[in-house]
Amino acid sequence: MGTIRDRGLVKWQAALIMPEHKALNKKLGEVDYFLNKRPVFDEYEVEEFENNIHYAVEYHLPISFRLHNEGNPHELQGYCVYIHPVTKELRIQKKDSSFEYIQFSDIISVIVED
């Protein structure tokens, strides 16, 4: 009887890869390599973020956030004027009186400016 010859992973690889596809795969791999991963916080750090935000809201103090934005952190400064309790969304009034909405899960650090 004949034996079945299995080629392993080779059978799932594409037979023909165009140079454009290869370049795109390489480019996507490089982009993902350089993006910063979202940090994981323990419950004490999250509680510290919440306390700082509530303190700033209560005394109407300016607050500075560092946010995770698809791997690229950016800064946001202003006043937190509203906290949605269910969706955990914050409404931030910036210096130019415009509003920006941020998710609590996007926050990397919180600094209350006195």
C-alpha atoms as a PDB file:
ATOM      1  CA  MET A   1       0.000   0.000   0.000  1.00  0.00           C
ATOM      2  CA  GLY A   2       1.067   3.528  -0.716  1.00  0.00           C
ATOM      3  CA  THR A   3       1.763   6.017   2.032  1.00  0.00           C
ATOM      4  CA  ILE A   4       0.342   9.505   2.192  1.00  0.00           C
ATOM      5  CA  ARG A   5       3.030  12.128   1.857  1.00  0.00           C
ATOM      6  CA  ASP A   6       2.092  15.253   3.785  1.00  0.00           C
ATOM      7  CA  ARG A   7       3.901  18.473   2.859  1.00  0.00           C
ATOM      8  CA  GLY A   8       3.195  20.178   6.201  1.00  0.00           C
ATOM      9  CA  LEU A   9       2.843  23.947   6.076  1.00  0.00           C
ATOM     10  CA  VAL A  10       4.088  24.169   2.500  1.00  0.00           C
ATOM     11  CA  LYS A  11       0.666  23.184   1.192  1.00  0.00           C
ATOM     12  CA  TRP A  12      -0.882  26.313   2.751  1.00  0.00           C
ATOM     13  CA  GLN A  13       1.634  28.782   1.334  1.00  0.00           C
ATOM     14  CA  ALA A  14       0.761  30.734  -1.757  1.00  0.00           C
ATOM     15  CA  ALA A  15       2.227  29.401  -4.961  1.00  0.00           C
ATOM     16  CA  LEU A  16       2.921  32.861  -6.341  1.00  0.00           C
ATOM     17  CA  ILE A  17       3.556  36.064  -4.419  1.00  0.00           C
ATOM     18  CA  MET A  18       3.835  39.246  -6.399  1.00  0.00           C
ATOM     19  CA  PRO A  19       6.608  41.712  -5.447  1.00  0.00           C
ATOM     20  CA  GLU A  20       3.969  44.269  -4.469  1.00  0.00           C
ATOM     21  CA  HIS A  21       2.429  41.820  -1.994  1.00  0.00           C
ATOM     22  CA  LYS A  22       5.815  40.973  -0.526  1.00  0.00           C
ATOM     23  CA  ALA A  23       6.691  44.676  -0.109  1.00  0.00           C
ATOM     24  CA  LEU A  24       3.325  45.408   1.500  1.00  0.00           C
ATOM     25  CA  ASN A  25       3.686  42.514   3.957  1.00  0.00           C
ATOM     26  CA  LYS A  26       7.162  43.727   4.876  1.00  0.00           C
ATOM     27  CA  LYS A  27       5.927  47.309   5.314  1.00  0.00           C
ATOM     28  CA  LEU A  28       3.015  46.234   7.529  1.00  0.00           C
ATOM     29  CA  GLY A  29       5.355  44.164   9.660  1.00  0.00           C
ATOM     30  CA  GLU A  30       7.699  47.113  10.156  1.00  0.00           C
ATOM     31  CA  VAL A  31       4.895  49.479  11.104  1.00  0.00           C
ATOM     32  CA  ASP A  32       3.558  47.101  13.745  1.00  0.00           C
ATOM     33  CA  TYR A  33       7.057  46.608  15.143  1.00  0.00           C
ATOM     34  CA  PHE A  34       7.563  50.300  15.885  1.00  0.00           C
ATOM     35  CA  LEU A  35       4.138  50.996  17.397  1.00  0.00           C
ATOM     36  CA  ASN A  36       3.966  51.206  21.165  1.00  0.00           C
ATOM     37  CA  LYS A  37       1.826  48.602  22.850  1.00  0.00           C
ATOM     38  CA  ARG A  38      -0.949  49.649  25.193  1.00  0.00           C
ATOM     39  CA  PRO A  39       0.330  49.453  28.802  1.00  0.00           C
ATOM     40  CA  VAL A  40      -1.492  47.258  31.291  1.00  0.00           C
ATOM     41  CA  PHE A  41      -2.322  48.927  34.595  1.00  0.00           C
ATOM     42  CA  ASP A  42      -3.143  47.281  37.884  1.00  0.00           C
ATOM     43  CA  GLU A  43      -6.153  48.272  39.958  1.00  0.00           C
ATOM     44  CA  TYR A  44      -4.177  50.711  42.129  1.00  0.00           C
ATOM     45  CA  GLU A  45      -2.941  52.717  39.163  1.00  0.00           C
ATOM     46  CA  VAL A  46      -6.466  52.865  37.711  1.00  0.00           C
ATOM     47  CA  GLU A  47      -7.785  54.024  41.086  1.00  0.00           C
ATOM     48  CA  GLU A  48      -5.092  56.737  41.205  1.00  0.00           C
ATOM     49  CA  PHE A  49      -6.165  57.951  37.729  1.00  0.00           C
ATOM     50  CA  GLU A  50      -9.796  58.081  38.885  1.00  0.00           C
ATOM     51  CA  ASN A  51      -8.916  59.966  42.080  1.00  0.00           C
ATOM     52  CA  ASN A  52      -6.862  62.554  40.190  1.00  0.00           C
ATOM     53  CA  ILE A  53      -9.654  63.093  37.657  1.00  0.00           C
ATOM     54  CA  HIS A  54     -12.332  63.470  40.362  1.00  0.00           C
ATOM     55  CA  TYR A  55     -10.122  65.892  42.287  1.00  0.00           C
ATOM     56  CA  ALA A  56      -9.602  68.020  39.174  1.00  0.00           C
ATOM     57  CA  VAL A  57     -13.339  68.022  38.399  1.00  0.00           C
ATOM     58  CA  GLU A  58     -14.328  68.938  41.952  1.00  0.00           C
ATOM     59  CA  TYR A  59     -11.932  71.900  42.249  1.00  0.00           C
ATOM     60  CA  HIS A  60     -12.024  72.855  38.537  1.00  0.00           C
ATOM     61  CA  LEU A  61      -8.268  72.432  38.067  1.00  0.00           C
ATOM     62  CA  PRO A  62      -6.483  72.061  34.734  1.00  0.00           C
ATOM     63  CA  ILE A  63      -5.521  68.490  33.967  1.00  0.00           C
ATOM     64  CA  SER A  64      -3.035  66.956  31.554  1.00  0.00           C
ATOM     65  CA  PHE A  65      -3.687  63.563  29.968  1.00  0.00           C
ATOM     66  CA  ARG A  66      -1.347  61.305  28.057  1.00  0.00           C
ATOM     67  CA  LEU A  67      -3.425  59.133  25.741  1.00  0.00           C
ATOM     68  CA  HIS A  68      -2.741  55.967  23.779  1.00  0.00           C
ATOM     69  CA  ASN A  69      -3.725  56.625  20.164  1.00  0.00           C
ATOM     70  CA  GLU A  70      -3.224  53.492  18.034  1.00  0.00           C
ATOM     71  CA  GLY A  71       0.329  53.060  19.249  1.00  0.00           C
ATOM     72  CA  ASN A  72       1.302  56.728  19.207  1.00  0.00           C
ATOM     73  CA  PRO A  73       0.828  58.511  22.546  1.00  0.00           C
ATOM     74  CA  HIS A  74      -0.267  62.145  22.487  1.00  0.00           C
ATOM     75  CA  GLU A  75      -0.897  64.843  25.080  1.00  0.00           C
ATOM     76  CA  LEU A  76      -4.194  66.546  25.873  1.00  0.00           C
ATOM     77  CA  GLN A  77      -4.592  69.452  28.290  1.00  0.00           C
ATOM     78  CA  GLY A  78      -7.706  71.158  29.535  1.00  0.00           C
ATOM     79  CA  TYR A  79     -10.494  70.880  32.079  1.00  0.00           C
ATOM     80  CA  CYS A  80     -12.558  67.750  32.652  1.00  0.00           C
ATOM     81  CA  VAL A  81     -16.143  69.008  32.746  1.00  0.00           C
ATOM     82  CA  TYR A  82     -18.136  65.767  32.595  1.00  0.00           C
ATOM     83  CA  ILE A  83     -17.651  62.073  33.289  1.00  0.00           C
ATOM     84  CA  HIS A  84     -20.172  59.648  31.815  1.00  0.00           C
ATOM     85  CA  PRO A  85     -20.573  56.913  34.451  1.00  0.00           C
ATOM     86  CA  VAL A  86     -21.713  54.105  32.144  1.00  0.00           C
ATOM     87  CA  THR A  87     -19.495  54.494  29.075  1.00  0.00           C
ATOM     88  CA  LYS A  88     -16.536  55.899  31.092  1.00  0.00           C
ATOM     89  CA  GLU A  89     -16.176  58.723  28.619  1.00  0.00           C
ATOM     90  CA  LEU A  90     -14.671  62.049  29.667  1.00  0.00           C
ATOM     91  CA  ARG A  91     -15.567  65.428  28.183  1.00  0.00           C
ATOM     92  CA  ILE A  92     -12.498  67.658  28.149  1.00  0.00           C
ATOM     93  CA  GLN A  93     -12.735  71.402  27.543  1.00  0.00           C
ATOM     94  CA  LYS A  94      -9.505  72.523  25.889  1.00  0.00           C
ATOM     95  CA  LYS A  95      -7.881  75.961  26.211  1.00  0.00           C
ATOM     96  CA  ASP A  96      -9.589  77.199  23.022  1.00  0.00           C
ATOM     97  CA  SER A  97     -13.049  76.365  24.518  1.00  0.00           C
ATOM     98  CA  SER A  98     -13.567  73.376  22.209  1.00  0.00           C
ATOM     99  CA  PHE A  99     -14.513  69.972  23.585  1.00  0.00           C
ATOM    100  CA  GLU A 100     -12.871  66.608  23.068  1.00  0.00           C
ATOM    101  CA  TYR A 101     -14.248  63.276  24.186  1.00  0.00           C
ATOM    102  CA  ILE A 102     -11.866  60.578  25.389  1.00  0.00           C
ATOM    103  CA  GLN A 103     -12.342  57.056  26.668  1.00  0.00           C
ATOM    104  CA  PHE A 104     -11.017  56.216  30.114  1.00  0.00           C
ATOM    105  CA  SER A 105      -9.358  53.101  28.667  1.00  0.00           C
ATOM    106  CA  ASP A 106      -7.179  55.305  26.399  1.00  0.00           C
ATOM    107  CA  ILE A 107      -5.537  57.111  29.333  1.00  0.00           C
ATOM    108  CA  ILE A 108      -1.874  56.351  30.001  1.00  0.00           C
ATOM    109  CA  SER A 109      -1.206  59.031  32.645  1.00  0.00           C
ATOM    110  CA  VAL A 110      -3.044  61.833  34.444  1.00  0.00           C
ATOM    111  CA  ILE A 111      -1.407  64.927  35.923  1.00  0.00           C
ATOM    112  CA  VAL A 112      -3.417  67.530  37.830  1.00  0.00           C
ATOM    113  CA  GLU A 113      -1.895  70.988  37.494  1.00  0.00           C
ATOM    114  CA  ASP A 114      -2.304  73.221  40.531  1.00  0.00           C
END
